[in-house]
Amino acid sequence: MPSNANPRLVLFSRYPEPGKAKTRMIPTLGPDGAAALHKKLAERTLTTLRKTDLPIELRYTGAPESRFRQWLGDDIAYAEQGEGDLGDRMARASQPAPVIFLGSDCPDLHPRHIAEAAQALISSNVVIGPAEDGGYWLLGLAKRFDYLFEDMPWGTDQILPITLSRLAARGIAPAMLETLADCDRPEDLTRWPELTA
């Protein structure tokens, strides 16, 4: 059942350590440049989320919580991502619902997108912000839907079609937000030259 409660904004991020962050960008930007890009994107996303009145929780990996607090501040909640693939980590973070999942790969994210997602969760169990690359930049859930996280080919262009198919098989029509682009690959950088300036 949809919820009138305010959703938590759950942002997944890794520490911007050279060689371990934005690895698909390393051939173009080098380890330091890729880490700097990740840092900039995470900070940009968090700035956007802070412009909402919703509680923010950072699910982190790659460094202790103290380093994330030093980097991003004490005004948000922190929790480790834990073990397993992205689906395992999202399933764990999906309670308590309602929840809105985000990554830090969407430079065009705006506070109005978050407001639209939160509003949609009042009347829909699921809200999706589709990404141009076949994934999603936002997933909002009014309750727990573990089957959306199980046996998924994470990092491929099949995430959105599989998600929509699994929902349709259960008679669930998600609310859909506008399609946005992610900044995941070197060819994506031409859209946002300011990110590497």
N, C-alpha and C. Protein backbone atom coordinates (compact mmCIF):
# COMPACT_ATOMS: atom_id res chain seq x y z
N MET A 1 0.84 -1.18 0.00
CA MET A 1 0.00 0.00 0.00
C MET A 1 0.88 1.25 0.00
N PRO A 2 0.59 2.23 -0.83
CA PRO A 2 1.35 3.46 -0.83
C PRO A 2 1.36 4.10 0.56
N SER A 3 2.29 5.02 0.76
CA SER A 3 2.51 5.55 2.10
C SER A 3 2.42 7.07 2.11
N ASN A 4 1.92 7.61 3.23
CA ASN A 4 1.93 9.05 3.42
C ASN A 4 3.16 9.51 4.20
N ALA A 5 3.95 8.57 4.70
CA ALA A 5 5.16 8.91 5.44
C ALA A 5 6.21 9.49 4.49
N ASN A 6 7.05 10.36 5.03
CA ASN A 6 8.14 10.89 4.22
C ASN A 6 9.16 9.79 3.93
N PRO A 7 9.55 9.63 2.67
CA PRO A 7 10.55 8.62 2.36
C PRO A 7 11.95 9.05 2.79
N ARG A 8 12.77 8.06 3.10
CA ARG A 8 14.20 8.30 3.30
C ARG A 8 14.85 8.38 1.93
N LEU A 9 15.82 9.26 1.77
CA LEU A 9 16.64 9.30 0.56
C LEU A 9 17.90 8.51 0.86
N VAL A 10 18.09 7.40 0.17
CA VAL A 10 19.25 6.55 0.41
C VAL A 10 20.20 6.69 -0.77
N LEU A 11 21.36 7.26 -0.49
CA LEU A 11 22.39 7.49 -1.50
C LEU A 11 23.49 6.45 -1.31
N PHE A 12 23.79 5.71 -2.37
CA PHE A 12 24.89 4.75 -2.34
C PHE A 12 26.15 5.42 -2.86
N SER A 13 27.24 5.28 -2.11
CA SER A 13 28.49 5.88 -2.56
C SER A 13 29.68 5.11 -2.02
N ARG A 14 30.76 5.22 -2.76
CA ARG A 14 32.02 4.65 -2.30
C ARG A 14 32.99 5.79 -2.05
N TYR A 15 34.01 5.54 -1.24
CA TYR A 15 34.99 6.57 -0.95
C TYR A 15 35.80 6.86 -2.21
N PRO A 16 36.10 8.14 -2.50
CA PRO A 16 36.80 8.49 -3.74
C PRO A 16 38.29 8.19 -3.70
N GLU A 17 38.62 6.93 -3.56
CA GLU A 17 40.03 6.51 -3.52
C GLU A 17 40.51 6.23 -4.93
N PRO A 18 41.61 6.86 -5.36
CA PRO A 18 42.12 6.62 -6.72
C PRO A 18 42.33 5.13 -6.98
N GLY A 19 41.85 4.70 -8.13
CA GLY A 19 41.97 3.30 -8.53
C GLY A 19 40.78 2.45 -8.14
N LYS A 20 39.92 2.97 -7.26
CA LYS A 20 38.76 2.19 -6.79
C LYS A 20 37.43 2.87 -7.06
N ALA A 21 37.45 4.12 -7.48
CA ALA A 21 36.22 4.87 -7.75
C ALA A 21 36.14 5.20 -9.23
N LYS A 22 34.94 5.06 -9.79
CA LYS A 22 34.71 5.38 -11.21
C LYS A 22 35.74 4.68 -12.10
N THR A 23 35.88 3.38 -11.91
CA THR A 23 36.94 2.64 -12.60
C THR A 23 36.78 2.63 -14.12
N ARG A 24 35.55 2.74 -14.62
CA ARG A 24 35.37 2.78 -16.08
C ARG A 24 35.89 4.08 -16.69
N MET A 25 36.12 5.08 -15.85
CA MET A 25 36.66 6.36 -16.32
C MET A 25 38.18 6.40 -16.28
N ILE A 26 38.81 5.42 -15.63
CA ILE A 26 40.26 5.45 -15.46
C ILE A 26 41.02 5.48 -16.79
N PRO A 27 40.62 4.71 -17.83
CA PRO A 27 41.37 4.79 -19.09
C PRO A 27 41.43 6.20 -19.68
N THR A 28 40.42 7.01 -19.43
CA THR A 28 40.38 8.37 -19.97
C THR A 28 40.93 9.40 -18.99
N LEU A 29 40.57 9.28 -17.72
CA LEU A 29 40.91 10.31 -16.73
C LEU A 29 42.08 9.94 -15.84
N GLY A 30 42.49 8.68 -15.85
CA GLY A 30 43.50 8.21 -14.90
C GLY A 30 42.86 7.98 -13.54
N PRO A 31 43.55 7.27 -12.65
CA PRO A 31 42.97 6.95 -11.34
C PRO A 31 42.61 8.19 -10.52
N ASP A 32 43.49 9.20 -10.51
CA ASP A 32 43.21 10.41 -9.73
C ASP A 32 42.05 11.20 -10.32
N GLY A 33 42.01 11.31 -11.65
CA GLY A 33 40.93 12.04 -12.31
C GLY A 33 39.59 11.36 -12.12
N ALA A 34 39.58 10.02 -12.19
CA ALA A 34 38.33 9.29 -12.00
C ALA A 34 37.83 9.45 -10.56
N ALA A 35 38.75 9.41 -9.60
CA ALA A 35 38.36 9.60 -8.19
C ALA A 35 37.85 11.02 -7.96
N ALA A 36 38.50 12.00 -8.60
CA ALA A 36 38.05 13.39 -8.47
C ALA A 36 36.66 13.57 -9.06
N LEU A 37 36.39 12.91 -10.19
CA LEU A 37 35.06 12.96 -10.80
C LEU A 37 34.02 12.36 -9.85
N HIS A 38 34.34 11.21 -9.29
CA HIS A 38 33.41 10.57 -8.35
C HIS A 38 33.12 11.50 -7.16
N LYS A 39 34.17 12.10 -6.63
CA LYS A 39 34.02 13.02 -5.49
C LYS A 39 33.10 14.18 -5.86
N LYS A 40 33.32 14.76 -7.03
CA LYS A 40 32.51 15.89 -7.48
C LYS A 40 31.05 15.49 -7.67
N LEU A 41 30.82 14.32 -8.28
CA LEU A 41 29.45 13.85 -8.50
C LEU A 41 28.73 13.57 -7.18
N ALA A 42 29.42 12.93 -6.25
CA ALA A 42 28.81 12.62 -4.95
C ALA A 42 28.45 13.91 -4.21
N GLU A 43 29.35 14.88 -4.22
CA GLU A 43 29.10 16.14 -3.54
C GLU A 43 27.95 16.90 -4.20
N ARG A 44 27.92 16.86 -5.53
CA ARG A 44 26.84 17.53 -6.28
C ARG A 44 25.49 16.89 -5.95
N THR A 45 25.46 15.56 -5.91
CA THR A 45 24.21 14.85 -5.60
C THR A 45 23.75 15.17 -4.18
N LEU A 46 24.68 15.14 -3.24
CA LEU A 46 24.32 15.42 -1.85
C LEU A 46 23.82 16.86 -1.68
N THR A 47 24.42 17.79 -2.38
CA THR A 47 23.94 19.18 -2.35
C THR A 47 22.49 19.25 -2.82
N THR A 48 22.18 18.51 -3.88
CA THR A 48 20.80 18.47 -4.39
C THR A 48 19.85 17.87 -3.35
N LEU A 49 20.26 16.76 -2.74
CA LEU A 49 19.39 16.10 -1.75
C LEU A 49 19.16 16.98 -0.53
N ARG A 50 20.17 17.75 -0.15
CA ARG A 50 20.04 18.63 1.02
C ARG A 50 19.04 19.76 0.77
N LYS A 51 18.70 20.02 -0.47
CA LYS A 51 17.72 21.07 -0.79
C LYS A 51 16.29 20.58 -0.61
N THR A 52 16.13 19.32 -0.26
CA THR A 52 14.81 18.77 0.06
C THR A 52 14.66 18.76 1.57
N ASP A 53 13.46 18.47 2.05
CA ASP A 53 13.23 18.38 3.49
C ASP A 53 13.20 16.92 3.95
N LEU A 54 13.74 16.03 3.14
CA LEU A 54 13.65 14.60 3.44
C LEU A 54 14.92 14.11 4.13
N PRO A 55 14.79 13.10 4.99
CA PRO A 55 15.97 12.55 5.66
C PRO A 55 16.89 11.84 4.67
N ILE A 56 18.19 12.05 4.84
CA ILE A 56 19.20 11.49 3.93
C ILE A 56 20.02 10.45 4.68
N GLU A 57 20.21 9.32 4.04
CA GLU A 57 21.05 8.25 4.58
C GLU A 57 22.09 7.88 3.53
N LEU A 58 23.35 7.95 3.88
CA LEU A 58 24.42 7.55 2.96
C LEU A 58 24.81 6.11 3.28
N ARG A 59 24.66 5.24 2.30
CA ARG A 59 25.13 3.86 2.41
C ARG A 59 26.51 3.83 1.78
N TYR A 60 27.52 3.60 2.60
CA TYR A 60 28.89 3.80 2.16
C TYR A 60 29.69 2.50 2.09
N THR A 61 30.78 2.58 1.32
CA THR A 61 31.75 1.49 1.23
C THR A 61 33.09 2.09 0.84
N GLY A 62 34.16 1.37 1.14
CA GLY A 62 35.49 1.79 0.71
C GLY A 62 36.31 2.54 1.73
N ALA A 63 35.73 2.87 2.87
CA ALA A 63 36.44 3.58 3.94
C ALA A 63 35.57 3.55 5.18
N PRO A 64 36.18 3.79 6.35
CA PRO A 64 35.38 3.84 7.58
C PRO A 64 34.42 5.04 7.58
N GLU A 65 33.39 4.93 8.38
CA GLU A 65 32.40 6.01 8.49
C GLU A 65 33.05 7.35 8.83
N SER A 66 34.07 7.33 9.67
CA SER A 66 34.71 8.58 10.09
C SER A 66 35.26 9.37 8.90
N ARG A 67 35.77 8.67 7.90
CA ARG A 67 36.30 9.37 6.72
C ARG A 67 35.17 9.97 5.89
N PHE A 68 34.04 9.28 5.81
CA PHE A 68 32.88 9.85 5.11
C PHE A 68 32.34 11.07 5.86
N ARG A 69 32.28 11.00 7.18
CA ARG A 69 31.80 12.14 7.96
C ARG A 69 32.72 13.35 7.77
N GLN A 70 34.03 13.09 7.74
CA GLN A 70 34.99 14.17 7.50
C GLN A 70 34.75 14.81 6.14
N TRP A 71 34.48 13.97 5.17
CA TRP A 71 34.29 14.43 3.79
C TRP A 71 32.93 15.11 3.60
N LEU A 72 31.85 14.48 4.09
CA LEU A 72 30.49 14.91 3.72
C LEU A 72 29.69 15.54 4.86
N GLY A 73 30.20 15.50 6.07
CA GLY A 73 29.51 16.19 7.16
C GLY A 73 28.71 15.28 8.07
N ASP A 74 28.17 15.88 9.12
CA ASP A 74 27.46 15.13 10.16
C ASP A 74 25.95 15.31 10.11
N ASP A 75 25.43 15.98 9.09
CA ASP A 75 24.00 16.27 9.05
C ASP A 75 23.17 15.19 8.36
N ILE A 76 23.80 14.08 8.02
CA ILE A 76 23.09 12.97 7.39
C ILE A 76 23.37 11.69 8.17
N ALA A 77 22.54 10.68 7.96
CA ALA A 77 22.75 9.38 8.60
C ALA A 77 23.71 8.55 7.75
N TYR A 78 24.46 7.68 8.39
CA TYR A 78 25.41 6.82 7.70
C TYR A 78 25.16 5.37 8.07
N ALA A 79 25.33 4.48 7.09
CA ALA A 79 25.26 3.04 7.33
C ALA A 79 26.13 2.36 6.29
N GLU A 80 26.82 1.31 6.70
CA GLU A 80 27.64 0.56 5.75
C GLU A 80 26.75 -0.16 4.74
N GLN A 81 27.26 -0.28 3.50
CA GLN A 81 26.52 -1.03 2.49
C GLN A 81 26.49 -2.51 2.82
N GLY A 82 27.57 -3.04 3.38
CA GLY A 82 27.62 -4.45 3.71
C GLY A 82 28.03 -5.30 2.53
N GLU A 83 27.92 -6.60 2.71
CA GLU A 83 28.37 -7.58 1.72
C GLU A 83 27.33 -7.81 0.63
N GLY A 84 27.78 -8.49 -0.43
CA GLY A 84 26.88 -8.90 -1.50
C GLY A 84 26.89 -7.95 -2.67
N ASP A 85 26.09 -8.28 -3.69
CA ASP A 85 26.01 -7.43 -4.86
C ASP A 85 25.10 -6.23 -4.57
N LEU A 86 24.93 -5.37 -5.55
CA LEU A 86 24.12 -4.18 -5.35
C LEU A 86 22.71 -4.54 -4.91
N GLY A 87 22.15 -5.60 -5.46
CA GLY A 87 20.81 -6.01 -5.08
C GLY A 87 20.71 -6.38 -3.61
N ASP A 88 21.69 -7.12 -3.11
CA ASP A 88 21.71 -7.48 -1.68
C ASP A 88 21.75 -6.23 -0.82
N ARG A 89 22.59 -5.27 -1.23
CA ARG A 89 22.76 -4.05 -0.44
C ARG A 89 21.51 -3.18 -0.48
N MET A 90 20.85 -3.14 -1.65
CA MET A 90 19.61 -2.36 -1.75
C MET A 90 18.49 -3.01 -0.94
N ALA A 91 18.40 -4.33 -1.00
CA ALA A 91 17.35 -5.03 -0.25
C ALA A 91 17.49 -4.73 1.25
N ARG A 92 18.72 -4.77 1.75
CA ARG A 92 18.94 -4.47 3.17
C ARG A 92 18.53 -3.03 3.51
N ALA A 93 18.81 -2.12 2.59
CA ALA A 93 18.55 -0.70 2.85
C ALA A 93 17.09 -0.32 2.62
N SER A 94 16.28 -1.25 2.09
CA SER A 94 14.91 -0.90 1.71
C SER A 94 13.95 -0.82 2.90
N GLN A 95 14.41 -1.19 4.08
CA GLN A 95 13.57 -1.09 5.27
C GLN A 95 14.18 -0.12 6.25
N PRO A 96 13.43 0.74 6.89
CA PRO A 96 11.99 0.85 6.74
C PRO A 96 11.61 1.63 5.48
N ALA A 97 10.49 1.24 4.89
CA ALA A 97 9.94 1.95 3.73
C ALA A 97 9.02 3.05 4.26
N PRO A 98 8.73 4.06 3.47
CA PRO A 98 9.13 4.25 2.08
C PRO A 98 10.58 4.73 1.96
N VAL A 99 11.16 4.43 0.80
CA VAL A 99 12.56 4.76 0.56
C VAL A 99 12.72 5.17 -0.90
N ILE A 100 13.63 6.09 -1.14
CA ILE A 100 14.01 6.49 -2.50
C ILE A 100 15.50 6.25 -2.63
N PHE A 101 15.87 5.33 -3.53
CA PHE A 101 17.28 5.01 -3.78
C PHE A 101 17.84 5.89 -4.88
N LEU A 102 19.06 6.36 -4.66
CA LEU A 102 19.76 7.14 -5.67
C LEU A 102 21.23 6.75 -5.67
N GLY A 103 21.85 6.93 -6.83
CA GLY A 103 23.30 6.86 -6.92
C GLY A 103 23.80 8.27 -7.15
N SER A 104 25.09 8.41 -7.34
CA SER A 104 25.64 9.75 -7.55
C SER A 104 26.10 9.95 -8.99
N ASP A 105 25.52 9.20 -9.92
CA ASP A 105 25.96 9.23 -11.32
C ASP A 105 25.12 10.12 -12.22
N CYS A 106 24.16 10.84 -11.67
CA CYS A 106 23.21 11.59 -12.50
C CYS A 106 23.40 13.10 -12.29
N PRO A 107 24.25 13.73 -13.10
CA PRO A 107 24.53 15.16 -12.90
C PRO A 107 23.33 16.08 -13.06
N ASP A 108 22.30 15.65 -13.78
CA ASP A 108 21.14 16.51 -14.01
C ASP A 108 20.06 16.37 -12.94
N LEU A 109 20.34 15.61 -11.88
CA LEU A 109 19.38 15.47 -10.78
C LEU A 109 19.06 16.84 -10.18
N HIS A 110 17.79 17.09 -9.96
CA HIS A 110 17.32 18.37 -9.44
C HIS A 110 16.38 18.10 -8.25
N PRO A 111 16.30 19.02 -7.30
CA PRO A 111 15.38 18.79 -6.17
C PRO A 111 13.94 18.50 -6.61
N ARG A 112 13.51 19.05 -7.72
CA ARG A 112 12.13 18.79 -8.16
C ARG A 112 11.93 17.32 -8.51
N HIS A 113 12.99 16.64 -8.99
CA HIS A 113 12.87 15.20 -9.27
C HIS A 113 12.57 14.43 -7.99
N ILE A 114 13.24 14.83 -6.91
CA ILE A 114 13.02 14.17 -5.62
C ILE A 114 11.60 14.45 -5.13
N ALA A 115 11.17 15.70 -5.27
CA ALA A 115 9.80 16.06 -4.86
C ALA A 115 8.77 15.28 -5.66
N GLU A 116 9.00 15.12 -6.97
CA GLU A 116 8.08 14.36 -7.81
C GLU A 116 8.03 12.90 -7.38
N ALA A 117 9.19 12.33 -7.05
CA ALA A 117 9.24 10.93 -6.62
C ALA A 117 8.51 10.76 -5.29
N ALA A 118 8.75 11.65 -4.34
CA ALA A 118 8.09 11.56 -3.04
C ALA A 118 6.57 11.70 -3.20
N GLN A 119 6.15 12.61 -4.05
CA GLN A 119 4.71 12.79 -4.30
C GLN A 119 4.12 11.54 -4.93
N ALA A 120 4.84 10.94 -5.88
CA ALA A 120 4.35 9.74 -6.57
C ALA A 120 4.17 8.58 -5.60
N LEU A 121 5.03 8.50 -4.57
CA LEU A 121 4.94 7.39 -3.61
C LEU A 121 3.69 7.48 -2.73
N ILE A 122 3.01 8.61 -2.75
CA ILE A 122 1.77 8.73 -1.98
C ILE A 122 0.68 7.87 -2.61
N SER A 123 0.70 7.75 -3.94
CA SER A 123 -0.35 7.00 -4.63
C SER A 123 0.16 5.76 -5.37
N SER A 124 1.47 5.57 -5.46
CA SER A 124 2.05 4.42 -6.16
C SER A 124 3.00 3.67 -5.23
N ASN A 125 3.06 2.36 -5.41
CA ASN A 125 4.00 1.55 -4.62
C ASN A 125 5.43 1.65 -5.11
N VAL A 126 5.59 1.98 -6.40
CA VAL A 126 6.92 2.04 -7.00
C VAL A 126 7.00 3.27 -7.90
N VAL A 127 8.12 3.97 -7.83
CA VAL A 127 8.40 5.07 -8.76
C VAL A 127 9.80 4.86 -9.31
N ILE A 128 9.95 5.08 -10.62
CA ILE A 128 11.22 4.83 -11.29
C ILE A 128 11.63 6.06 -12.08
N GLY A 129 12.89 6.43 -11.95
CA GLY A 129 13.51 7.43 -12.81
C GLY A 129 14.38 6.69 -13.81
N PRO A 130 13.91 6.48 -15.04
CA PRO A 130 14.68 5.69 -16.00
C PRO A 130 15.92 6.43 -16.49
N ALA A 131 16.98 5.69 -16.68
CA ALA A 131 18.22 6.24 -17.22
C ALA A 131 18.33 5.88 -18.69
N GLU A 132 18.99 6.73 -19.45
CA GLU A 132 19.15 6.50 -20.89
C GLU A 132 19.88 5.20 -21.19
N ASP A 133 20.72 4.75 -20.25
CA ASP A 133 21.56 3.57 -20.50
C ASP A 133 20.87 2.25 -20.18
N GLY A 134 19.56 2.28 -19.89
CA GLY A 134 18.84 1.04 -19.62
C GLY A 134 18.75 0.67 -18.15
N GLY A 135 19.24 1.53 -17.30
CA GLY A 135 19.11 1.34 -15.86
C GLY A 135 18.11 2.34 -15.30
N TYR A 136 18.29 2.69 -14.04
CA TYR A 136 17.48 3.76 -13.47
C TYR A 136 18.34 4.63 -12.59
N TRP A 137 18.01 5.91 -12.55
CA TRP A 137 18.75 6.85 -11.70
C TRP A 137 18.05 7.03 -10.36
N LEU A 138 16.82 6.55 -10.26
CA LEU A 138 16.06 6.63 -9.01
C LEU A 138 15.10 5.45 -8.95
N LEU A 139 14.99 4.88 -7.77
CA LEU A 139 13.99 3.84 -7.52
C LEU A 139 13.35 4.16 -6.17
N GLY A 140 12.05 4.42 -6.20
CA GLY A 140 11.31 4.70 -4.97
C GLY A 140 10.37 3.55 -4.66
N LEU A 141 10.33 3.14 -3.40
CA LEU A 141 9.50 2.01 -2.98
C LEU A 141 8.67 2.40 -1.76
N ALA A 142 7.37 2.14 -1.83
CA ALA A 142 6.49 2.40 -0.70
C ALA A 142 6.52 1.25 0.30
N LYS A 143 7.00 0.09 -0.14
CA LYS A 143 7.14 -1.07 0.74
C LYS A 143 8.27 -1.94 0.19
N ARG A 144 8.52 -3.05 0.83
CA ARG A 144 9.64 -3.91 0.44
C ARG A 144 9.28 -4.72 -0.80
N PHE A 145 10.19 -4.73 -1.78
CA PHE A 145 10.03 -5.49 -3.01
C PHE A 145 11.35 -6.22 -3.31
N ASP A 146 11.66 -7.25 -2.53
CA ASP A 146 12.95 -7.92 -2.69
C ASP A 146 13.15 -8.51 -4.08
N TYR A 147 12.05 -8.91 -4.75
CA TYR A 147 12.21 -9.53 -6.07
C TYR A 147 12.77 -8.55 -7.11
N LEU A 148 12.78 -7.27 -6.81
CA LEU A 148 13.39 -6.30 -7.74
C LEU A 148 14.90 -6.29 -7.64
N PHE A 149 15.44 -6.96 -6.64
CA PHE A 149 16.88 -6.94 -6.40
C PHE A 149 17.56 -8.29 -6.62
N GLU A 150 16.78 -9.35 -6.79
CA GLU A 150 17.34 -10.70 -6.86
C GLU A 150 17.74 -11.05 -8.29
N ASP A 151 18.93 -11.66 -8.43
CA ASP A 151 19.41 -12.17 -9.72
C ASP A 151 19.31 -11.14 -10.83
N MET A 152 19.79 -9.94 -10.57
CA MET A 152 19.79 -8.87 -11.56
C MET A 152 21.18 -8.74 -12.18
N PRO A 153 21.25 -8.47 -13.49
CA PRO A 153 22.55 -8.27 -14.14
C PRO A 153 23.02 -6.82 -13.95
N TRP A 154 23.39 -6.46 -12.72
CA TRP A 154 23.74 -5.08 -12.39
C TRP A 154 24.82 -4.56 -13.33
N GLY A 155 24.71 -3.28 -13.66
CA GLY A 155 25.69 -2.64 -14.53
C GLY A 155 25.44 -2.86 -16.01
N THR A 156 24.28 -3.42 -16.36
CA THR A 156 23.97 -3.66 -17.77
C THR A 156 22.75 -2.83 -18.17
N ASP A 157 22.44 -2.87 -19.47
CA ASP A 157 21.28 -2.13 -19.98
C ASP A 157 19.98 -2.91 -19.82
N GLN A 158 20.01 -4.00 -19.07
CA GLN A 158 18.82 -4.82 -18.87
C GLN A 158 18.10 -4.54 -17.55
N ILE A 159 18.67 -3.69 -16.72
CA ILE A 159 18.09 -3.46 -15.39
C ILE A 159 16.67 -2.90 -15.48
N LEU A 160 16.48 -1.85 -16.25
CA LEU A 160 15.15 -1.26 -16.36
C LEU A 160 14.14 -2.21 -16.99
N PRO A 161 14.45 -2.84 -18.15
CA PRO A 161 13.46 -3.76 -18.73
C PRO A 161 13.09 -4.92 -17.80
N ILE A 162 14.08 -5.48 -17.09
CA ILE A 162 13.79 -6.59 -16.17
C ILE A 162 12.93 -6.09 -15.01
N THR A 163 13.26 -4.92 -14.48
CA THR A 163 12.48 -4.35 -13.38
C THR A 163 11.03 -4.15 -13.79
N LEU A 164 10.82 -3.55 -14.96
CA LEU A 164 9.46 -3.30 -15.45
C LEU A 164 8.71 -4.61 -15.70
N SER A 165 9.42 -5.61 -16.22
CA SER A 165 8.81 -6.91 -16.48
C SER A 165 8.38 -7.60 -15.18
N ARG A 166 9.23 -7.55 -14.17
CA ARG A 166 8.90 -8.17 -12.89
C ARG A 166 7.70 -7.47 -12.23
N LEU A 167 7.65 -6.17 -12.35
CA LEU A 167 6.50 -5.44 -11.80
C LEU A 167 5.23 -5.77 -12.57
N ALA A 168 5.31 -5.78 -13.90
CA ALA A 168 4.14 -6.07 -14.73
C ALA A 168 3.59 -7.46 -14.44
N ALA A 169 4.49 -8.43 -14.20
CA ALA A 169 4.06 -9.80 -13.91
C ALA A 169 3.24 -9.87 -12.62
N ARG A 170 3.39 -8.87 -11.77
CA ARG A 170 2.64 -8.82 -10.51
C ARG A 170 1.54 -7.76 -10.54
N GLY A 171 1.28 -7.23 -11.74
CA GLY A 171 0.21 -6.26 -11.90
C GLY A 171 0.50 -4.89 -11.33
N ILE A 172 1.78 -4.55 -11.21
CA ILE A 172 2.16 -3.26 -10.63
C ILE A 172 2.62 -2.32 -11.75
N ALA A 173 1.97 -1.18 -11.85
CA ALA A 173 2.36 -0.15 -12.83
C ALA A 173 3.09 0.95 -12.07
N PRO A 174 4.40 1.08 -12.25
CA PRO A 174 5.13 2.10 -11.51
C PRO A 174 4.86 3.50 -12.05
N ALA A 175 4.98 4.48 -11.18
CA ALA A 175 5.00 5.87 -11.63
C ALA A 175 6.36 6.11 -12.27
N MET A 176 6.37 6.75 -13.42
CA MET A 176 7.62 6.97 -14.15
C MET A 176 7.97 8.46 -14.17
N LEU A 177 9.22 8.76 -13.82
CA LEU A 177 9.73 10.11 -13.92
C LEU A 177 10.38 10.30 -15.29
N GLU A 178 10.93 11.48 -15.53
CA GLU A 178 11.57 11.71 -16.82
C GLU A 178 12.86 10.90 -16.94
N THR A 179 13.23 10.61 -18.17
CA THR A 179 14.47 9.89 -18.45
C THR A 179 15.65 10.86 -18.36
N LEU A 180 16.67 10.47 -17.61
CA LEU A 180 17.89 11.27 -17.48
C LEU A 180 19.09 10.42 -17.85
N ALA A 181 20.21 11.08 -18.07
CA ALA A 181 21.44 10.38 -18.43
C ALA A 181 22.34 10.23 -17.21
N ASP A 182 23.05 9.11 -17.16
CA ASP A 182 24.07 8.88 -16.15
C ASP A 182 25.43 9.25 -16.71
N CYS A 183 26.36 9.53 -15.82
CA CYS A 183 27.75 9.78 -16.22
C CYS A 183 28.57 8.58 -15.74
N ASP A 184 28.60 7.54 -16.57
CA ASP A 184 29.24 6.28 -16.20
C ASP A 184 30.48 5.95 -17.02
N ARG A 185 30.48 6.42 -18.27
CA ARG A 185 31.52 6.00 -19.22
C ARG A 185 32.22 7.23 -19.81
N PRO A 186 33.44 7.04 -20.32
CA PRO A 186 34.17 8.18 -20.88
C PRO A 186 33.38 8.98 -21.91
N GLU A 187 32.60 8.30 -22.75
CA GLU A 187 31.84 9.02 -23.78
C GLU A 187 30.76 9.92 -23.18
N ASP A 188 30.38 9.67 -21.93
CA ASP A 188 29.37 10.50 -21.28
C ASP A 188 29.90 11.88 -20.89
N LEU A 189 31.21 12.00 -20.78
CA LEU A 189 31.81 13.24 -20.28
C LEU A 189 31.55 14.44 -21.18
N THR A 190 31.30 14.20 -22.47
CA THR A 190 31.07 15.32 -23.39
C THR A 190 29.81 16.10 -23.04
N ARG A 191 28.85 15.47 -22.37
CA ARG A 191 27.62 16.16 -21.96
C ARG A 191 27.85 17.16 -20.84
N TRP A 192 28.82 16.87 -20.00
CA TRP A 192 29.06 17.70 -18.80
C TRP A 192 30.54 18.07 -18.71
N PRO A 193 31.02 18.92 -19.61
CA PRO A 193 32.45 19.26 -19.59
C PRO A 193 32.90 19.90 -18.27
N GLU A 194 31.96 20.54 -17.56
CA GLU A 194 32.32 21.18 -16.29
C GLU A 194 32.75 20.17 -15.23
N LEU A 195 32.39 18.91 -15.40
CA LEU A 195 32.75 17.91 -14.39
C LEU A 195 34.23 17.59 -14.37
N THR A 196 34.91 17.81 -15.48
CA THR A 196 36.34 17.51 -15.53
C THR A 196 37.18 18.77 -15.71
N ALA A 197 36.54 19.94 -15.58
CA ALA A 197 37.27 21.20 -15.75
C ALA A 197 38.12 21.49 -14.53
